[in-house]
Amino acid sequence: MLRYKLVQKKNFTKGAAADSKLYYAMAQSAGRMEHEALVDAISTMSSASRGDIGLILDSLLLVMRQQLTTGFSVRLRGLGLFRITLGSTGTETEKEFTVANIKRPRIVFRPDPLLDKIRDGNKFENVTVKPETVTVTVTEPCDKEHVY
Protein backbone atom coordinates (compact mmCIF):
# COMPACT_ATOMS: atom_id res chain seq x y z
CA MET A 1 0.00 0.00 0.00
CA LEU A 2 1.50 3.30 -1.09
CA ARG A 3 0.87 6.09 1.38
CA TYR A 4 0.34 9.70 0.41
CA LYS A 5 -0.73 12.99 1.88
CA LEU A 6 -2.33 15.95 0.20
CA VAL A 7 -0.42 19.20 -0.11
CA GLN A 8 -1.61 22.48 -1.51
CA LYS A 9 0.67 23.97 -4.17
CA LYS A 10 0.58 26.61 -6.83
CA ASN A 11 -1.64 25.74 -9.79
CA PHE A 12 0.64 25.37 -12.83
CA THR A 13 -2.25 24.65 -15.21
CA LYS A 14 -2.05 26.78 -18.33
CA GLY A 15 -4.24 29.85 -17.94
CA ALA A 16 -4.71 29.45 -14.17
CA ALA A 17 -4.88 32.57 -12.03
CA ALA A 18 -1.53 33.58 -10.54
CA ASP A 19 -2.70 33.01 -6.98
CA SER A 20 -4.71 29.81 -7.54
CA LYS A 21 -3.71 26.64 -5.75
CA LEU A 22 -4.58 22.95 -6.11
CA TYR A 23 -4.17 19.89 -3.90
CA TYR A 24 -1.67 17.31 -5.08
CA ALA A 25 -0.71 13.88 -3.73
CA MET A 26 2.77 13.58 -2.24
CA ALA A 27 4.20 10.13 -1.51
CA GLN A 28 4.94 9.43 2.15
CA SER A 29 7.95 7.32 2.99
CA ALA A 30 7.46 4.41 5.36
CA GLY A 31 11.10 4.78 6.37
CA ARG A 32 14.50 3.97 4.98
CA MET A 33 16.24 0.62 4.68
CA GLU A 34 19.85 1.23 5.58
CA HIS A 35 22.81 -0.84 4.34
CA GLU A 36 22.94 -3.21 7.33
CA ALA A 37 19.21 -3.94 7.18
CA LEU A 38 19.52 -4.64 3.46
CA VAL A 39 22.40 -7.05 4.12
CA ASP A 40 20.33 -8.79 6.82
CA ALA A 41 17.30 -9.10 4.56
CA ILE A 42 19.36 -10.57 1.71
CA SER A 43 21.16 -12.98 4.02
CA THR A 44 17.85 -14.49 5.16
CA MET A 45 17.11 -15.38 1.51
CA SER A 46 20.45 -16.93 0.59
CA SER A 47 23.18 -19.19 1.83
CA ALA A 48 25.73 -16.37 1.67
CA SER A 49 26.95 -14.93 4.96
CA ARG A 50 26.26 -11.35 6.05
CA GLY A 51 29.95 -10.58 5.51
CA ASP A 52 29.89 -11.97 1.97
CA ILE A 53 26.78 -9.98 1.08
CA GLY A 54 28.24 -6.77 2.56
CA LEU A 55 31.46 -7.31 0.58
CA ILE A 56 29.52 -7.91 -2.64
CA LEU A 57 27.41 -4.75 -2.20
CA ASP A 58 30.49 -2.65 -1.38
CA SER A 59 32.31 -4.10 -4.40
CA LEU A 60 29.31 -3.42 -6.63
CA LEU A 61 29.37 0.26 -5.65
CA LEU A 62 33.14 0.49 -6.21
CA VAL A 63 32.92 -1.06 -9.69
CA MET A 64 29.92 1.13 -10.59
CA ARG A 65 31.81 4.25 -9.50
CA GLN A 66 34.84 3.24 -11.58
CA GLN A 67 32.78 2.46 -14.68
CA LEU A 68 30.53 5.52 -14.51
CA THR A 69 33.46 7.91 -14.06
CA THR A 70 35.19 6.46 -17.13
CA GLY A 71 32.13 7.01 -19.32
CA PHE A 72 30.48 3.59 -19.24
CA SER A 73 26.84 3.05 -18.36
CA VAL A 74 26.07 0.20 -15.97
CA ARG A 75 23.07 -2.10 -16.44
CA LEU A 76 21.96 -4.33 -13.60
CA ARG A 77 19.52 -6.96 -14.85
CA GLY A 78 16.17 -6.57 -13.13
CA LEU A 79 17.20 -3.25 -11.56
CA GLY A 80 18.01 -0.86 -14.38
CA LEU A 81 20.55 1.30 -16.16
CA PHE A 82 22.80 3.92 -14.54
CA ARG A 83 24.65 6.54 -16.59
CA ILE A 84 26.25 9.95 -16.16
CA THR A 85 24.95 12.98 -18.04
CA LEU A 86 26.44 16.44 -18.39
CA GLY A 87 24.91 19.87 -18.64
CA SER A 88 26.65 23.11 -19.39
CA THR A 89 26.18 26.77 -20.00
CA GLY A 90 26.41 27.70 -23.65
CA THR A 91 28.91 29.93 -25.43
CA GLU A 92 28.71 31.84 -28.68
CA THR A 93 31.75 30.10 -30.14
CA GLU A 94 33.51 26.79 -29.65
CA LYS A 95 36.71 28.63 -28.73
CA GLU A 96 34.99 30.40 -25.79
CA PHE A 97 33.90 27.11 -24.20
CA THR A 98 35.97 25.91 -21.21
CA VAL A 99 35.60 23.15 -18.65
CA ALA A 100 34.24 25.83 -16.29
CA ASN A 101 31.06 25.87 -18.43
CA ILE A 102 30.30 22.27 -17.46
CA LYS A 103 27.86 21.88 -14.59
CA ARG A 104 28.08 19.14 -11.97
CA PRO A 105 27.49 15.75 -13.66
CA ARG A 106 24.26 13.93 -12.82
CA ILE A 107 23.70 10.22 -12.41
CA VAL A 108 20.59 9.15 -14.29
CA PHE A 109 18.76 5.93 -13.49
CA ARG A 110 16.32 4.22 -15.84
CA PRO A 111 14.49 1.32 -14.19
CA ASP A 112 14.46 -2.09 -15.86
CA PRO A 113 11.00 -3.03 -17.18
CA LEU A 114 10.84 -5.75 -14.51
CA LEU A 115 11.40 -3.20 -11.73
CA ASP A 116 9.21 -0.61 -13.42
CA LYS A 117 6.22 -2.99 -13.14
CA ILE A 118 6.03 -2.32 -9.38
CA ARG A 119 4.33 0.96 -10.31
CA ASP A 120 1.34 -0.94 -11.74
CA GLY A 121 -1.66 -2.16 -9.73
CA ASN A 122 -0.89 -0.32 -6.49
CA LYS A 123 -3.37 0.52 -3.77
CA PHE A 124 -3.18 3.90 -2.12
CA GLU A 125 -3.85 5.17 1.40
CA ASN A 126 -4.40 8.82 2.25
CA VAL A 127 -2.51 9.65 5.45
CA THR A 128 -3.27 13.37 5.42
CA VAL A 129 -3.77 14.38 9.03
CA LYS A 130 -6.29 17.10 9.60
CA PRO A 131 -5.59 18.84 12.90
CA GLU A 132 -8.52 18.95 15.28
CA THR A 133 -9.62 22.33 16.49
CA VAL A 134 -10.45 22.43 20.18
CA THR A 135 -12.18 25.46 21.61
CA VAL A 136 -11.86 25.97 25.35
CA THR A 137 -13.88 28.61 27.11
CA VAL A 138 -12.66 29.56 30.57
CA THR A 139 -15.37 31.13 32.67
CA GLU A 140 -13.58 31.31 36.00
CA PRO A 141 -9.96 31.25 37.16
CA CYS A 142 -8.52 27.82 37.91
CA ASP A 143 -5.25 26.91 39.64
CA LYS A 144 -5.10 23.33 38.25
CA GLU A 145 -2.89 22.18 35.38
CA HIS A 146 -4.75 21.17 32.23
CA VAL A 147 -3.43 18.94 29.46
CA TYR A 148 -5.13 18.92 26.07
C-alpha atoms as a PDB file:
ATOM      1  CA  MET A   1       0.000   0.000   0.000  1.00  0.00           C
ATOM      2  CA  LEU A   2       1.499   3.303  -1.090  1.00  0.00           C
ATOM      3  CA  ARG A   3       0.871   6.091   1.384  1.00  0.00           C
ATOM      4  CA  TYR A   4       0.335   9.705   0.409  1.00  0.00           C
ATOM      5  CA  LYS A   5      -0.725  12.988   1.884  1.00  0.00           C
ATOM      6  CA  LEU A   6      -2.329  15.945   0.199  1.00  0.00           C
ATOM      7  CA  VAL A   7      -0.419  19.198  -0.112  1.00  0.00           C
ATOM      8  CA  GLN A   8      -1.611  22.476  -1.513  1.00  0.00           C
ATOM      9  CA  LYS A   9       0.670  23.969  -4.167  1.00  0.00           C
ATOM     10  CA  LYS A  10       0.576  26.614  -6.831  1.00  0.00           C
ATOM     11  CA  ASN A  11      -1.645  25.743  -9.786  1.00  0.00           C
ATOM     12  CA  PHE A  12       0.638  25.367 -12.827  1.00  0.00           C
ATOM     13  CA  THR A  13      -2.246  24.651 -15.208  1.00  0.00           C
ATOM     14  CA  LYS A  14      -2.046  26.778 -18.334  1.00  0.00           C
ATOM     15  CA  GLY A  15      -4.242  29.851 -17.939  1.00  0.00           C
ATOM     16  CA  ALA A  16      -4.705  29.453 -14.167  1.00  0.00           C
ATOM     17  CA  ALA A  17      -4.883  32.573 -12.026  1.00  0.00           C
ATOM     18  CA  ALA A  18      -1.530  33.578 -10.543  1.00  0.00           C
ATOM     19  CA  ASP A  19      -2.697  33.012  -6.977  1.00  0.00           C
ATOM     20  CA  SER A  20      -4.708  29.814  -7.543  1.00  0.00           C
ATOM     21  CA  LYS A  21      -3.715  26.639  -5.755  1.00  0.00           C
ATOM     22  CA  LEU A  22      -4.585  22.951  -6.107  1.00  0.00           C
ATOM     23  CA  TYR A  23      -4.167  19.891  -3.903  1.00  0.00           C
ATOM     24  CA  TYR A  24      -1.667  17.308  -5.082  1.00  0.00           C
ATOM     25  CA  ALA A  25      -0.712  13.883  -3.734  1.00  0.00           C
ATOM     26  CA  MET A  26       2.772  13.576  -2.239  1.00  0.00           C
ATOM     27  CA  ALA A  27       4.195  10.130  -1.505  1.00  0.00           C
ATOM     28  CA  GLN A  28       4.943   9.428   2.148  1.00  0.00           C
ATOM     29  CA  SER A  29       7.951   7.322   2.992  1.00  0.00           C
ATOM     30  CA  ALA A  30       7.457   4.408   5.356  1.00  0.00           C
ATOM     31  CA  GLY A  31      11.095   4.784   6.370  1.00  0.00           C
ATOM     32  CA  ARG A  32      14.505   3.973   4.983  1.00  0.00           C
ATOM     33  CA  MET A  33      16.238   0.625   4.678  1.00  0.00           C
ATOM     34  CA  GLU A  34      19.851   1.226   5.580  1.00  0.00           C
ATOM     35  CA  HIS A  35      22.808  -0.838   4.342  1.00  0.00           C
ATOM     36  CA  GLU A  36      22.944  -3.206   7.331  1.00  0.00           C
ATOM     37  CA  ALA A  37      19.207  -3.935   7.183  1.00  0.00           C
ATOM     38  CA  LEU A  38      19.517  -4.641   3.456  1.00  0.00           C
ATOM     39  CA  VAL A  39      22.401  -7.045   4.123  1.00  0.00           C
ATOM     40  CA  ASP A  40      20.333  -8.794   6.824  1.00  0.00           C
ATOM     41  CA  ALA A  41      17.301  -9.100   4.556  1.00  0.00           C
ATOM     42  CA  ILE A  42      19.358 -10.570   1.709  1.00  0.00           C
ATOM     43  CA  SER A  43      21.163 -12.980   4.023  1.00  0.00           C
ATOM     44  CA  THR A  44      17.845 -14.495   5.155  1.00  0.00           C
ATOM     45  CA  MET A  45      17.106 -15.384   1.509  1.00  0.00           C
ATOM     46  CA  SER A  46      20.446 -16.930   0.592  1.00  0.00           C
ATOM     47  CA  SER A  47      23.178 -19.194   1.834  1.00  0.00           C
ATOM     48  CA  ALA A  48      25.733 -16.367   1.673  1.00  0.00           C
ATOM     49  CA  SER A  49      26.952 -14.927   4.961  1.00  0.00           C
ATOM     50  CA  ARG A  50      26.256 -11.348   6.051  1.00  0.00           C
ATOM     51  CA  GLY A  51      29.953 -10.580   5.515  1.00  0.00           C
ATOM     52  CA  ASP A  52      29.892 -11.971   1.973  1.00  0.00           C
ATOM     53  CA  ILE A  53      26.777  -9.976   1.085  1.00  0.00           C
ATOM     54  CA  GLY A  54      28.241  -6.768   2.557  1.00  0.00           C
ATOM     55  CA  LEU A  55      31.457  -7.311   0.582  1.00  0.00           C
ATOM     56  CA  ILE A  56      29.515  -7.906  -2.639  1.00  0.00           C
ATOM     57  CA  LEU A  57      27.413  -4.752  -2.199  1.00  0.00           C
ATOM     58  CA  ASP A  58      30.493  -2.653  -1.378  1.00  0.00           C
ATOM     59  CA  SER A  59      32.314  -4.102  -4.403  1.00  0.00           C
ATOM     60  CA  LEU A  60      29.313  -3.419  -6.628  1.00  0.00           C
ATOM     61  CA  LEU A  61      29.375   0.259  -5.646  1.00  0.00           C
ATOM     62  CA  LEU A  62      33.139   0.488  -6.207  1.00  0.00           C
ATOM     63  CA  VAL A  63      32.915  -1.058  -9.693  1.00  0.00           C
ATOM     64  CA  MET A  64      29.923   1.127 -10.594  1.00  0.00           C
ATOM     65  CA  ARG A  65      31.806   4.253  -9.498  1.00  0.00           C
ATOM     66  CA  GLN A  66      34.843   3.245 -11.584  1.00  0.00           C
ATOM     67  CA  GLN A  67      32.780   2.464 -14.684  1.00  0.00           C
ATOM     68  CA  LEU A  68      30.535   5.521 -14.509  1.00  0.00           C
ATOM     69  CA  THR A  69      33.460   7.905 -14.059  1.00  0.00           C
ATOM     70  CA  THR A  70      35.190   6.465 -17.126  1.00  0.00           C
ATOM     71  CA  GLY A  71      32.129   7.007 -19.320  1.00  0.00           C
ATOM     72  CA  PHE A  72      30.485   3.589 -19.243  1.00  0.00           C
ATOM     73  CA  SER A  73      26.844   3.055 -18.358  1.00  0.00           C
ATOM     74  CA  VAL A  74      26.067   0.204 -15.968  1.00  0.00           C
ATOM     75  CA  ARG A  75      23.066  -2.098 -16.443  1.00  0.00           C
ATOM     76  CA  LEU A  76      21.962  -4.332 -13.596  1.00  0.00           C
ATOM     77  CA  ARG A  77      19.523  -6.958 -14.847  1.00  0.00           C
ATOM     78  CA  GLY A  78      16.174  -6.566 -13.125  1.00  0.00           C
ATOM     79  CA  LEU A  79      17.205  -3.248 -11.555  1.00  0.00           C
ATOM     80  CA  GLY A  80      18.005  -0.861 -14.384  1.00  0.00           C
ATOM     81  CA  LEU A  81      20.554   1.303 -16.163  1.00  0.00           C
ATOM     82  CA  PHE A  82      22.795   3.918 -14.538  1.00  0.00           C
ATOM     83  CA  ARG A  83      24.646   6.539 -16.586  1.00  0.00           C
ATOM     84  CA  ILE A  84      26.249   9.950 -16.160  1.00  0.00           C
ATOM     85  CA  THR A  85      24.953  12.977 -18.038  1.00  0.00           C
ATOM     86  CA  LEU A  86      26.444  16.444 -18.388  1.00  0.00           C
ATOM     87  CA  GLY A  87      24.913  19.865 -18.642  1.00  0.00           C
ATOM     88  CA  SER A  88      26.655  23.112 -19.389  1.00  0.00           C
ATOM     89  CA  THR A  89      26.175  26.774 -19.998  1.00  0.00           C
ATOM     90  CA  GLY A  90      26.415  27.696 -23.648  1.00  0.00           C
ATOM     91  CA  THR A  91      28.907  29.928 -25.427  1.00  0.00           C
ATOM     92  CA  GLU A  92      28.707  31.838 -28.679  1.00  0.00           C
ATOM     93  CA  THR A  93      31.753  30.104 -30.136  1.00  0.00           C
ATOM     94  CA  GLU A  94      33.509  26.795 -29.646  1.00  0.00           C
ATOM     95  CA  LYS A  95      36.709  28.631 -28.728  1.00  0.00           C
ATOM     96  CA  GLU A  96      34.990  30.397 -25.785  1.00  0.00           C
ATOM     97  CA  PHE A  97      33.901  27.114 -24.203  1.00  0.00           C
ATOM     98  CA  THR A  98      35.968  25.909 -21.212  1.00  0.00           C
ATOM     99  CA  VAL A  99      35.598  23.154 -18.653  1.00  0.00           C
ATOM    100  CA  ALA A 100      34.239  25.828 -16.295  1.00  0.00           C
ATOM    101  CA  ASN A 101      31.065  25.868 -18.429  1.00  0.00           C
ATOM    102  CA  ILE A 102      30.300  22.272 -17.456  1.00  0.00           C
ATOM    103  CA  LYS A 103      27.858  21.877 -14.594  1.00  0.00           C
ATOM    104  CA  ARG A 104      28.085  19.138 -11.971  1.00  0.00           C
ATOM    105  CA  PRO A 105      27.487  15.753 -13.662  1.00  0.00           C
ATOM    106  CA  ARG A 106      24.260  13.932 -12.818  1.00  0.00           C
ATOM    107  CA  ILE A 107      23.703  10.216 -12.405  1.00  0.00           C
ATOM    108  CA  VAL A 108      20.588   9.148 -14.291  1.00  0.00           C
ATOM    109  CA  PHE A 109      18.759   5.927 -13.486  1.00  0.00           C
ATOM    110  CA  ARG A 110      16.317   4.217 -15.842  1.00  0.00           C
ATOM    111  CA  PRO A 111      14.492   1.320 -14.186  1.00  0.00           C
ATOM    112  CA  ASP A 112      14.463  -2.086 -15.860  1.00  0.00           C
ATOM    113  CA  PRO A 113      11.003  -3.028 -17.177  1.00  0.00           C
ATOM    114  CA  LEU A 114      10.841  -5.745 -14.515  1.00  0.00           C
ATOM    115  CA  LEU A 115      11.403  -3.204 -11.730  1.00  0.00           C
ATOM    116  CA  ASP A 116       9.205  -0.613 -13.417  1.00  0.00           C
ATOM    117  CA  LYS A 117       6.217  -2.990 -13.142  1.00  0.00           C
ATOM    118  CA  ILE A 118       6.030  -2.316  -9.380  1.00  0.00           C
ATOM    119  CA  ARG A 119       4.328   0.958 -10.308  1.00  0.00           C
ATOM    120  CA  ASP A 120       1.337  -0.941 -11.742  1.00  0.00           C
ATOM    121  CA  GLY A 121      -1.661  -2.155  -9.731  1.00  0.00           C
ATOM    122  CA  ASN A 122      -0.890  -0.320  -6.490  1.00  0.00           C
ATOM    123  CA  LYS A 123      -3.368   0.518  -3.769  1.00  0.00           C
ATOM    124  CA  PHE A 124      -3.177   3.902  -2.122  1.00  0.00           C
ATOM    125  CA  GLU A 125      -3.847   5.171   1.397  1.00  0.00           C
ATOM    126  CA  ASN A 126      -4.397   8.816   2.248  1.00  0.00           C
ATOM    127  CA  VAL A 127      -2.513   9.647   5.452  1.00  0.00           C
ATOM    128  CA  THR A 128      -3.268  13.366   5.418  1.00  0.00           C
ATOM    129  CA  VAL A 129      -3.767  14.381   9.031  1.00  0.00           C
ATOM    130  CA  LYS A 130      -6.286  17.104   9.600  1.00  0.00           C
ATOM    131  CA  PRO A 131      -5.589  18.836  12.895  1.00  0.00           C
ATOM    132  CA  GLU A 132      -8.522  18.946  15.276  1.00  0.00           C
ATOM    133  CA  THR A 133      -9.621  22.328  16.495  1.00  0.00           C
ATOM    134  CA  VAL A 134     -10.449  22.429  20.182  1.00  0.00           C
ATOM    135  CA  THR A 135     -12.179  25.465  21.610  1.00  0.00           C
ATOM    136  CA  VAL A 136     -11.860  25.967  25.352  1.00  0.00           C
ATOM    137  CA  THR A 137     -13.878  28.615  27.111  1.00  0.00           C
ATOM    138  CA  VAL A 138     -12.662  29.561  30.573  1.00  0.00           C
ATOM    139  CA  THR A 139     -15.372  31.128  32.668  1.00  0.00           C
ATOM    140  CA  GLU A 140     -13.576  31.308  36.003  1.00  0.00           C
ATOM    141  CA  PRO A 141      -9.961  31.250  37.160  1.00  0.00           C
ATOM    142  CA  CYS A 142      -8.517  27.824  37.914  1.00  0.00           C
ATOM    143  CA  ASP A 143      -5.253  26.905  39.644  1.00  0.00           C
ATOM    144  CA  LYS A 144      -5.102  23.328  38.255  1.00  0.00           C
ATOM    145  CA  GLU A 145      -2.889  22.183  35.382  1.00  0.00           C
ATOM    146  CA  HIS A 146      -4.748  21.169  32.226  1.00  0.00           C
ATOM    147  CA  VAL A 147      -3.431  18.942  29.463  1.00  0.00           C
ATOM    148  CA  TYR A 148      -5.133  18.922  26.065  1.00  0.00           C
END
